Amino acid sequence: MSRSGADLALLLLGGFRSLVDAAHAELAARGHADVRPVHDFAIRAIAAGADSASELARRMAVSKQAAAKTIVVLQERGYIARDVDPADARRKRLQVTPEGFGLLAEAEAIFDELRDRWGRQIGAAQLAELEAQLSALVGAEPLRLDTPGWITQDLGDPT
């Protein structure tokens, strides 16, 4: 059976969605029911240097208001903090807290577990080949998780 290009795109998107949904469910089971995929993207962007609402909004391709709302949620949950900028006391810089880095590490471990599950399901060699083929098609560098603006639009309320 021959598939269309749209079918391929939907299969790839389905694989992404399957992994993200499974990771989200596992995070919830481990006590992080309040975490959304957009929170992971935001924490990663802050860890990579987005230290203001404006910069976070730019990196995530969302409005400044949406970024500010996400910041409030992440700060209330203890994943990020606002500290005084040593160069300008009027400015508050965003920083990831140890709890935020712990959440990222836990999520990464879950994704490793899900990858292992896929390897058992289709075979480790087939998974390695799939990864090699995808790398050949889209590049060896993984998608930067701090620039998912196109996907955050579908997530609705970031809280």
Protein backbone atom coordinates (compact mmCIF):
# COMPACT_ATOMS: atom_id res chain seq x y z
CA MET A 1 0.00 0.00 0.00
CA SER A 2 1.39 3.36 -1.00
CA ARG A 3 0.97 6.21 1.45
CA SER A 4 0.77 9.92 0.72
CA GLY A 5 3.09 12.60 1.97
CA ALA A 6 0.30 13.74 4.28
CA ASP A 7 0.10 10.21 5.72
CA LEU A 8 3.83 10.33 6.46
CA ALA A 9 3.48 13.70 8.20
CA LEU A 10 0.59 12.37 10.28
CA LEU A 11 2.52 9.22 11.20
CA LEU A 12 5.47 11.31 12.36
CA LEU A 13 3.18 13.65 14.28
CA GLY A 14 1.40 10.62 15.75
CA GLY A 15 4.71 9.23 16.97
CA PHE A 16 5.57 12.56 18.59
CA ARG A 17 2.12 12.85 20.16
CA SER A 18 2.22 9.26 21.41
CA LEU A 19 5.54 9.83 23.19
CA VAL A 20 4.48 13.19 24.66
CA ASP A 21 1.11 11.86 25.85
CA ALA A 22 2.73 8.80 27.45
CA ALA A 23 5.39 10.96 29.13
CA HIS A 24 2.72 13.36 30.40
CA ALA A 25 0.69 10.47 31.82
CA GLU A 26 3.77 9.03 33.54
CA LEU A 27 4.71 12.43 34.99
CA ALA A 28 1.17 12.67 36.37
CA ALA A 29 1.49 9.20 37.88
CA ARG A 30 4.73 10.31 39.53
CA GLY A 31 3.09 13.28 41.20
CA HIS A 32 3.27 15.98 38.53
CA ALA A 33 -0.35 16.01 37.36
CA ASP A 34 -0.25 19.79 36.99
CA VAL A 35 2.56 19.81 34.39
CA ARG A 36 1.71 20.45 30.75
CA PRO A 37 3.97 20.05 27.71
CA VAL A 38 4.15 23.84 27.34
CA HIS A 39 5.63 24.01 30.85
CA ASP A 40 8.50 21.76 29.77
CA PHE A 41 9.11 23.95 26.74
CA ALA A 42 9.10 27.09 28.89
CA ILE A 43 11.44 25.67 31.54
CA ARG A 44 13.86 24.57 28.83
CA ALA A 45 13.74 28.02 27.22
CA ILE A 46 14.44 29.69 30.57
CA ALA A 47 17.31 27.29 31.25
CA ALA A 48 18.70 28.20 27.81
CA GLY A 49 18.69 31.91 28.62
CA ALA A 50 15.16 33.29 28.22
CA ASP A 51 15.31 35.38 31.39
CA SER A 52 12.31 37.67 30.81
CA ALA A 53 8.68 37.36 29.77
CA SER A 54 9.47 39.10 26.48
CA GLU A 55 12.33 36.74 25.68
CA LEU A 56 10.30 33.68 26.70
CA ALA A 57 7.44 34.85 24.47
CA ARG A 58 9.82 35.31 21.54
CA ARG A 59 11.43 31.89 21.95
CA MET A 60 8.11 30.12 22.30
CA ALA A 61 6.38 32.18 19.58
CA VAL A 62 3.53 33.15 21.89
CA SER A 63 2.23 36.48 23.12
CA LYS A 64 3.92 38.22 26.03
CA GLN A 65 0.68 37.77 27.97
CA ALA A 66 0.73 34.00 27.40
CA ALA A 67 4.38 33.85 28.47
CA ALA A 68 3.61 35.92 31.58
CA LYS A 69 0.75 33.58 32.50
CA THR A 70 3.01 30.55 32.10
CA ILE A 71 5.68 32.24 34.22
CA VAL A 72 3.19 32.82 37.05
CA VAL A 73 2.12 29.17 36.98
CA LEU A 74 5.70 27.87 36.94
CA GLN A 75 6.72 30.24 39.70
CA GLU A 76 3.73 29.24 41.88
CA ARG A 77 4.69 25.59 41.44
CA GLY A 78 8.31 26.26 42.35
CA TYR A 79 9.85 25.34 39.00
CA ILE A 80 11.22 28.82 38.29
CA ALA A 81 12.09 31.91 40.32
CA ARG A 82 12.51 35.60 39.66
CA ASP A 83 15.72 37.09 40.98
CA VAL A 84 17.01 40.64 40.90
CA ASP A 85 19.34 41.26 37.97
CA PRO A 86 22.76 42.16 39.41
CA ALA A 87 23.29 44.61 36.55
CA ASP A 88 19.92 46.38 36.97
CA ALA A 89 18.03 46.18 40.28
CA ARG A 90 14.81 47.27 38.55
CA ARG A 91 14.84 44.11 36.43
CA LYS A 92 13.82 40.62 37.57
CA ARG A 93 15.50 37.70 35.81
CA LEU A 94 13.90 34.29 35.40
CA GLN A 95 15.85 31.29 36.60
CA VAL A 96 15.07 27.59 36.79
CA THR A 97 15.00 26.29 40.36
CA PRO A 98 16.43 22.96 41.51
CA GLU A 99 12.83 21.66 41.43
CA GLY A 100 12.54 22.77 37.82
CA PHE A 101 15.77 21.03 36.85
CA GLY A 102 14.57 17.96 38.75
CA LEU A 103 11.36 17.96 36.73
CA LEU A 104 13.34 18.18 33.48
CA ALA A 105 15.57 15.29 34.56
CA GLU A 106 12.56 13.18 35.50
CA ALA A 107 10.89 13.91 32.16
CA GLU A 108 14.08 13.01 30.27
CA ALA A 109 14.29 9.71 32.19
CA ILE A 110 10.69 8.97 31.25
CA PHE A 111 11.43 9.64 27.58
CA ASP A 112 14.39 7.25 27.82
CA GLU A 113 12.05 4.61 29.28
CA LEU A 114 9.56 5.19 26.45
CA ARG A 115 12.35 4.90 23.88
CA ASP A 116 13.38 1.59 25.45
CA ARG A 117 9.76 0.43 25.28
CA TRP A 118 9.64 1.25 21.57
CA GLY A 119 12.91 -0.64 21.12
CA ARG A 120 11.41 -3.73 22.75
CA GLN A 121 8.29 -3.36 20.63
CA ILE A 122 9.94 -3.10 17.20
CA GLY A 123 13.47 -4.25 18.01
CA ALA A 124 16.50 -2.23 19.07
CA ALA A 125 18.13 -2.48 15.64
CA GLN A 126 14.97 -1.29 13.88
CA LEU A 127 14.63 1.64 16.28
CA ALA A 128 18.27 2.60 15.72
CA GLU A 129 17.69 2.42 11.95
CA LEU A 130 14.54 4.53 12.24
CA GLU A 131 16.47 7.15 14.19
CA ALA A 132 19.29 7.08 11.64
CA GLN A 133 16.85 7.51 8.75
CA LEU A 134 15.02 10.35 10.47
CA SER A 135 18.35 12.03 11.20
CA ALA A 136 19.27 11.73 7.53
CA LEU A 137 15.97 13.35 6.55
CA VAL A 138 15.66 16.12 9.13
CA GLY A 139 19.20 16.56 10.40
CA ALA A 140 21.12 15.10 13.27
CA GLU A 141 20.37 17.97 15.66
CA PRO A 142 17.15 17.42 17.61
CA LEU A 143 14.41 20.01 17.38
CA ARG A 144 15.00 22.77 19.91
CA LEU A 145 12.33 22.40 22.53
CA ASP A 146 12.37 26.09 23.33
CA THR A 147 10.89 27.07 19.98
CA PRO A 148 7.65 25.08 19.63
CA GLY A 149 5.38 28.02 18.84
CA TRP A 150 3.50 26.14 16.19
CA ILE A 151 2.48 23.44 18.65
CA THR A 152 1.68 25.61 21.67
CA GLN A 153 -1.13 27.21 19.70
CA ASP A 154 -3.05 23.93 19.92
CA LEU A 155 -2.59 23.45 23.66
CA GLY A 156 -4.99 26.18 24.69
CA ASP A 157 -4.65 27.49 28.21
CA PRO A 158 -1.00 27.05 29.31
CA THR A 159 -2.02 26.47 32.91
